[in-house]
Amino acid sequence: VANLAGNETTSEIYDDGCKTGGSAELWTIEAGGHIPLFSNSFAQQVVEWLFVHAKSDWPADYSGVTPPALLGLSYNNIGNFNSADNLIYTCVRTLENGIPTAIGGIEKYDIAMKIISYELGIIQITNSRLFNSDGVRNESNELPDCSGMFELSTNLYTDIIQVGNQVFEVVFELRDSV
């Protein structure tokens, strides 16, 4: 915040009680009221500062959510759309001709995907990591599994994704962008 013009803005960082490396920031705008009016130049400075100081962490220990029981799914973990950052977070198992296959010793991945086009159904993978590397259990004290599958022989990604209160079965063909 020190690099933002003016003395009207202060910030305090809290890291006590957060995950390792995590923090929360409280911004105060002096005499700003509940809905401060920013000049265009100040607003641009705030946006630029936020991009430079963006948190690159994942929103949870593993990707996905427990599906509603009334759906009767065989999976205890499905992908979900996070409206806070407009990304889909899910777990994907890699298969070759229907047989579980490891890539570089890894068979299950957490992935984050950005929706490029709702109309055309175009997504872009923005991040990946080893799925549930810490062995975290869900609220039913079960190890979560993966509803997402990526079939290497066809490049088809299939999954079950929750968006708000709705659940969708999706199929995407994954390919490199041009």
C-alpha atoms as a PDB file:
ATOM      1  CA  VAL A   1       0.000   0.000   0.000  1.00  0.00           C
ATOM      2  CA  ALA A   2       2.973   2.275   0.535  1.00  0.00           C
ATOM      3  CA  ASN A   3       3.325   2.625  -3.230  1.00  0.00           C
ATOM      4  CA  LEU A   4      -0.250   3.940  -3.622  1.00  0.00           C
ATOM      5  CA  ALA A   5      -0.470   7.712  -3.820  1.00  0.00           C
ATOM      6  CA  GLY A   6      -1.908   9.610  -0.860  1.00  0.00           C
ATOM      7  CA  ASN A   7      -2.114   9.019   2.871  1.00  0.00           C
ATOM      8  CA  GLU A   8      -5.781   8.040   2.917  1.00  0.00           C
ATOM      9  CA  THR A   9      -5.161   4.298   2.598  1.00  0.00           C
ATOM     10  CA  THR A  10      -3.731   1.972   5.235  1.00  0.00           C
ATOM     11  CA  SER A  11      -3.590  -1.773   5.378  1.00  0.00           C
ATOM     12  CA  GLU A  12      -2.950  -4.339   8.082  1.00  0.00           C
ATOM     13  CA  ILE A  13      -1.947  -7.913   7.359  1.00  0.00           C
ATOM     14  CA  TYR A  14      -3.107 -10.740   9.606  1.00  0.00           C
ATOM     15  CA  ASP A  15      -1.392 -14.104   9.333  1.00  0.00           C
ATOM     16  CA  ASP A  16      -2.125 -15.602  12.752  1.00  0.00           C
ATOM     17  CA  GLY A  17      -4.408 -18.636  12.394  1.00  0.00           C
ATOM     18  CA  CYS A  18      -3.927 -18.872   8.617  1.00  0.00           C
ATOM     19  CA  LYS A  19      -2.505 -21.764   6.632  1.00  0.00           C
ATOM     20  CA  THR A  20       1.265 -21.594   6.225  1.00  0.00           C
ATOM     21  CA  GLY A  21       2.026 -18.722   3.875  1.00  0.00           C
ATOM     22  CA  GLY A  22      -1.579 -17.458   4.030  1.00  0.00           C
ATOM     23  CA  SER A  23      -2.763 -14.054   5.175  1.00  0.00           C
ATOM     24  CA  ALA A  24      -5.732 -11.734   5.187  1.00  0.00           C
ATOM     25  CA  GLU A  25      -5.532  -8.017   4.535  1.00  0.00           C
ATOM     26  CA  LEU A  26      -7.732  -5.313   6.016  1.00  0.00           C
ATOM     27  CA  TRP A  27      -7.807  -2.102   4.014  1.00  0.00           C
ATOM     28  CA  THR A  28      -8.935   1.125   5.609  1.00  0.00           C
ATOM     29  CA  ILE A  29      -9.766   4.260   3.669  1.00  0.00           C
ATOM     30  CA  GLU A  30      -9.638   7.268   5.975  1.00  0.00           C
ATOM     31  CA  ALA A  31     -12.894   9.261   5.912  1.00  0.00           C
ATOM     32  CA  GLY A  32     -14.020   7.019   3.087  1.00  0.00           C
ATOM     33  CA  GLY A  33     -17.398   5.994   4.422  1.00  0.00           C
ATOM     34  CA  HIS A  34     -18.959   2.713   3.354  1.00  0.00           C
ATOM     35  CA  ILE A  35     -18.788   3.352  -0.394  1.00  0.00           C
ATOM     36  CA  PRO A  36     -15.672   5.368  -1.163  1.00  0.00           C
ATOM     37  CA  LEU A  37     -15.463   7.275  -4.420  1.00  0.00           C
ATOM     38  CA  PHE A  38     -12.124   6.664  -6.109  1.00  0.00           C
ATOM     39  CA  SER A  39     -10.653   8.821  -8.787  1.00  0.00           C
ATOM     40  CA  ASN A  40      -9.931   6.879 -11.968  1.00  0.00           C
ATOM     41  CA  SER A  41      -6.176   7.162 -11.421  1.00  0.00           C
ATOM     42  CA  PHE A  42      -6.421   5.943  -7.802  1.00  0.00           C
ATOM     43  CA  ALA A  43      -8.716   3.057  -8.793  1.00  0.00           C
ATOM     44  CA  GLN A  44      -6.199   2.019 -11.467  1.00  0.00           C
ATOM     45  CA  GLN A  45      -3.395   2.101  -8.881  1.00  0.00           C
ATOM     46  CA  VAL A  46      -5.439  -0.135  -6.555  1.00  0.00           C
ATOM     47  CA  VAL A  47      -6.147  -2.635  -9.339  1.00  0.00           C
ATOM     48  CA  GLU A  48      -2.485  -2.710 -10.394  1.00  0.00           C
ATOM     49  CA  TRP A  49      -1.412  -3.227  -6.766  1.00  0.00           C
ATOM     50  CA  LEU A  50      -3.878  -6.111  -6.354  1.00  0.00           C
ATOM     51  CA  PHE A  51      -2.567  -7.818  -9.503  1.00  0.00           C
ATOM     52  CA  VAL A  52       1.035  -7.499  -8.309  1.00  0.00           C
ATOM     53  CA  HIS A  53       0.115  -8.844  -4.854  1.00  0.00           C
ATOM     54  CA  ALA A  54      -2.319 -11.536  -6.002  1.00  0.00           C
ATOM     55  CA  LYS A  55      -2.576 -14.670  -3.878  1.00  0.00           C
ATOM     56  CA  SER A  56      -1.657 -17.703  -5.965  1.00  0.00           C
ATOM     57  CA  ASP A  57      -2.876 -20.287  -3.480  1.00  0.00           C
ATOM     58  CA  TRP A  58      -5.709 -22.730  -4.007  1.00  0.00           C
ATOM     59  CA  PRO A  59      -9.034 -22.067  -2.232  1.00  0.00           C
ATOM     60  CA  ALA A  60      -9.031 -25.500  -0.520  1.00  0.00           C
ATOM     61  CA  ASP A  61      -6.765 -28.407   0.433  1.00  0.00           C
ATOM     62  CA  TYR A  62      -8.121 -30.359  -2.527  1.00  0.00           C
ATOM     63  CA  SER A  63     -10.348 -29.446  -5.446  1.00  0.00           C
ATOM     64  CA  GLY A  64     -14.031 -30.310  -5.549  1.00  0.00           C
ATOM     65  CA  VAL A  65     -17.031 -30.468  -3.240  1.00  0.00           C
ATOM     66  CA  THR A  66     -19.178 -33.218  -1.755  1.00  0.00           C
ATOM     67  CA  PRO A  67     -22.196 -33.663  -4.058  1.00  0.00           C
ATOM     68  CA  PRO A  68     -25.757 -33.403  -2.758  1.00  0.00           C
ATOM     69  CA  ALA A  69     -26.791 -36.845  -1.403  1.00  0.00           C
ATOM     70  CA  LEU A  70     -30.111 -36.737  -3.276  1.00  0.00           C
ATOM     71  CA  LEU A  71     -28.213 -37.138  -6.561  1.00  0.00           C
ATOM     72  CA  GLY A  72     -27.121 -40.643  -5.556  1.00  0.00           C
ATOM     73  CA  LEU A  73     -23.740 -40.317  -7.260  1.00  0.00           C
ATOM     74  CA  SER A  74     -21.057 -42.943  -6.827  1.00  0.00           C
ATOM     75  CA  TYR A  75     -18.489 -40.166  -6.314  1.00  0.00           C
ATOM     76  CA  ASN A  76     -17.982 -38.414  -2.984  1.00  0.00           C
ATOM     77  CA  ASN A  77     -16.259 -35.447  -4.639  1.00  0.00           C
ATOM     78  CA  ILE A  78     -17.262 -33.475  -7.747  1.00  0.00           C
ATOM     79  CA  GLY A  79     -15.900 -30.373  -9.422  1.00  0.00           C
ATOM     80  CA  ASN A  80     -17.236 -26.951  -8.535  1.00  0.00           C
ATOM     81  CA  PHE A  81     -17.438 -23.488 -10.040  1.00  0.00           C
ATOM     82  CA  ASN A  82     -16.041 -20.883  -7.641  1.00  0.00           C
ATOM     83  CA  SER A  83     -17.864 -17.597  -8.253  1.00  0.00           C
ATOM     84  CA  ALA A  84     -15.275 -15.688  -6.184  1.00  0.00           C
ATOM     85  CA  ASP A  85     -12.621 -16.109  -8.885  1.00  0.00           C
ATOM     86  CA  ASN A  86     -14.729 -17.486 -11.785  1.00  0.00           C
ATOM     87  CA  LEU A  87     -12.732 -20.708 -11.966  1.00  0.00           C
ATOM     88  CA  ILE A  88     -13.757 -24.354 -12.030  1.00  0.00           C
ATOM     89  CA  TYR A  89     -11.860 -26.448  -9.481  1.00  0.00           C
ATOM     90  CA  THR A  90     -11.916 -30.205  -9.889  1.00  0.00           C
ATOM     91  CA  CYS A  91      -9.909 -33.393  -9.650  1.00  0.00           C
ATOM     92  CA  VAL A  92      -9.082 -35.372 -12.761  1.00  0.00           C
ATOM     93  CA  ARG A  93      -7.976 -39.003 -13.062  1.00  0.00           C
ATOM     94  CA  THR A  94      -5.902 -39.901 -16.103  1.00  0.00           C
ATOM     95  CA  LEU A  95      -6.941 -42.985 -18.077  1.00  0.00           C
ATOM     96  CA  GLU A  96      -5.650 -44.709 -21.201  1.00  0.00           C
ATOM     97  CA  ASN A  97      -8.267 -46.840 -22.950  1.00  0.00           C
ATOM     98  CA  GLY A  98     -10.273 -46.827 -19.720  1.00  0.00           C
ATOM     99  CA  ILE A  99      -7.369 -48.043 -17.552  1.00  0.00           C
ATOM    100  CA  PRO A 100      -5.996 -45.754 -14.788  1.00  0.00           C
ATOM    101  CA  THR A 101      -2.664 -44.395 -16.005  1.00  0.00           C
ATOM    102  CA  ALA A 102      -0.037 -42.350 -14.194  1.00  0.00           C
ATOM    103  CA  ILE A 103       1.753 -39.467 -15.892  1.00  0.00           C
ATOM    104  CA  GLY A 104       5.091 -38.785 -14.266  1.00  0.00           C
ATOM    105  CA  GLY A 105       4.026 -41.029 -11.397  1.00  0.00           C
ATOM    106  CA  ILE A 106       0.812 -39.063 -10.813  1.00  0.00           C
ATOM    107  CA  GLU A 107      -2.640 -40.480 -11.534  1.00  0.00           C
ATOM    108  CA  LYS A 108      -4.885 -37.787  -9.995  1.00  0.00           C
ATOM    109  CA  TYR A 109      -4.530 -34.044 -10.437  1.00  0.00           C
ATOM    110  CA  ASP A 110      -6.239 -30.986  -8.998  1.00  0.00           C
ATOM    111  CA  ILE A 111      -6.913 -28.575 -11.825  1.00  0.00           C
ATOM    112  CA  ALA A 112      -8.249 -25.047 -12.070  1.00  0.00           C
ATOM    113  CA  MET A 113      -9.955 -23.984 -15.290  1.00  0.00           C
ATOM    114  CA  LYS A 114     -11.024 -20.630 -16.617  1.00  0.00           C
ATOM    115  CA  ILE A 115     -14.084 -20.448 -18.847  1.00  0.00           C
ATOM    116  CA  ILE A 116     -12.978 -18.685 -22.020  1.00  0.00           C
ATOM    117  CA  SER A 117     -16.324 -18.877 -23.851  1.00  0.00           C
ATOM    118  CA  TYR A 118     -19.643 -19.913 -22.353  1.00  0.00           C
ATOM    119  CA  GLU A 119     -21.255 -19.944 -25.799  1.00  0.00           C
ATOM    120  CA  LEU A 120     -18.622 -22.165 -27.433  1.00  0.00           C
ATOM    121  CA  GLY A 121     -17.798 -24.244 -24.342  1.00  0.00           C
ATOM    122  CA  ILE A 122     -14.119 -23.306 -24.332  1.00  0.00           C
ATOM    123  CA  ILE A 123     -12.112 -23.734 -21.131  1.00  0.00           C
ATOM    124  CA  GLN A 124      -8.448 -23.173 -20.330  1.00  0.00           C
ATOM    125  CA  ILE A 125      -6.496 -24.992 -17.630  1.00  0.00           C
ATOM    126  CA  THR A 126      -4.826 -22.315 -15.521  1.00  0.00           C
ATOM    127  CA  ASN A 127      -3.273 -24.336 -12.711  1.00  0.00           C
ATOM    128  CA  SER A 128      -2.622 -27.912 -11.638  1.00  0.00           C
ATOM    129  CA  ARG A 129      -1.153 -29.813  -8.719  1.00  0.00           C
ATOM    130  CA  LEU A 130      -1.094 -33.279  -7.186  1.00  0.00           C
ATOM    131  CA  PHE A 131      -4.584 -34.129  -5.918  1.00  0.00           C
ATOM    132  CA  ASN A 132      -5.022 -34.050  -2.128  1.00  0.00           C
ATOM    133  CA  SER A 133      -1.307 -34.391  -1.399  1.00  0.00           C
ATOM    134  CA  ASP A 134      -1.925 -34.050   2.359  1.00  0.00           C
ATOM    135  CA  GLY A 135      -4.552 -36.818   2.487  1.00  0.00           C
ATOM    136  CA  VAL A 136      -7.269 -34.487   3.808  1.00  0.00           C
ATOM    137  CA  ARG A 137     -10.630 -36.154   4.492  1.00  0.00           C
ATOM    138  CA  ASN A 138     -14.034 -34.706   3.630  1.00  0.00           C
ATOM    139  CA  GLU A 139     -16.807 -33.870   6.102  1.00  0.00           C
ATOM    140  CA  SER A 140     -17.821 -37.564   6.170  1.00  0.00           C
ATOM    141  CA  ASN A 141     -14.262 -38.511   7.191  1.00  0.00           C
ATOM    142  CA  GLU A 142     -13.671 -40.164   3.798  1.00  0.00           C
ATOM    143  CA  LEU A 143     -10.802 -39.626   1.412  1.00  0.00           C
ATOM    144  CA  PRO A 144     -12.261 -37.733  -1.554  1.00  0.00           C
ATOM    145  CA  ASP A 145     -12.181 -39.328  -4.980  1.00  0.00           C
ATOM    146  CA  CYS A 146     -12.268 -37.790  -8.455  1.00  0.00           C
ATOM    147  CA  SER A 147     -15.346 -37.430 -10.627  1.00  0.00           C
ATOM    148  CA  GLY A 148     -13.245 -35.981 -13.440  1.00  0.00           C
ATOM    149  CA  MET A 149     -11.625 -38.260 -16.008  1.00  0.00           C
ATOM    150  CA  PHE A 150      -9.207 -37.426 -18.791  1.00  0.00           C
ATOM    151  CA  GLU A 151      -8.994 -40.174 -21.408  1.00  0.00           C
ATOM    152  CA  LEU A 152      -5.564 -39.922 -23.036  1.00  0.00           C
ATOM    153  CA  SER A 153      -6.535 -41.987 -26.092  1.00  0.00           C
ATOM    154  CA  THR A 154      -9.312 -39.553 -27.103  1.00  0.00           C
ATOM    155  CA  ASN A 155      -8.332 -36.301 -25.300  1.00  0.00           C
ATOM    156  CA  LEU A 156     -11.829 -36.226 -23.774  1.00  0.00           C
ATOM    157  CA  TYR A 157     -12.317 -34.739 -20.332  1.00  0.00           C
ATOM    158  CA  THR A 158     -15.585 -35.743 -18.625  1.00  0.00           C
ATOM    159  CA  ASP A 159     -16.749 -34.568 -15.226  1.00  0.00           C
ATOM    160  CA  ILE A 160     -19.608 -33.676 -12.917  1.00  0.00           C
ATOM    161  CA  ILE A 161     -19.507 -30.022 -11.869  1.00  0.00           C
ATOM    162  CA  GLN A 162     -21.606 -28.116  -9.360  1.00  0.00           C
ATOM    163  CA  VAL A 163     -22.485 -24.521 -10.242  1.00  0.00           C
ATOM    164  CA  GLY A 164     -24.411 -22.926  -7.397  1.00  0.00           C
ATOM    165  CA  ASN A 165     -27.337 -25.267  -6.698  1.00  0.00           C
ATOM    166  CA  GLN A 166     -27.147 -26.992 -10.084  1.00  0.00           C
ATOM    167  CA  VAL A 167     -25.046 -30.006 -11.075  1.00  0.00           C
ATOM    168  CA  PHE A 168     -23.950 -30.667 -14.659  1.00  0.00           C
ATOM    169  CA  GLU A 169     -22.341 -33.563 -16.493  1.00  0.00           C
ATOM    170  CA  VAL A 170     -19.802 -32.120 -18.924  1.00  0.00           C
ATOM    171  CA  VAL A 171     -17.599 -33.414 -21.731  1.00  0.00           C
ATOM    172  CA  PHE A 172     -14.796 -31.358 -23.264  1.00  0.00           C
ATOM    173  CA  GLU A 173     -12.224 -32.187 -25.894  1.00  0.00           C
ATOM    174  CA  LEU A 174      -8.869 -30.956 -24.618  1.00  0.00           C
ATOM    175  CA  ARG A 175      -6.390 -29.640 -27.135  1.00  0.00           C
ATOM    176  CA  ASP A 176      -3.567 -27.159 -27.322  1.00  0.00           C
ATOM    177  CA  SER A 177      -4.501 -23.600 -28.122  1.00  0.00           C
ATOM    178  CA  VAL A 178      -3.164 -22.089 -31.309  1.00  0.00           C
END
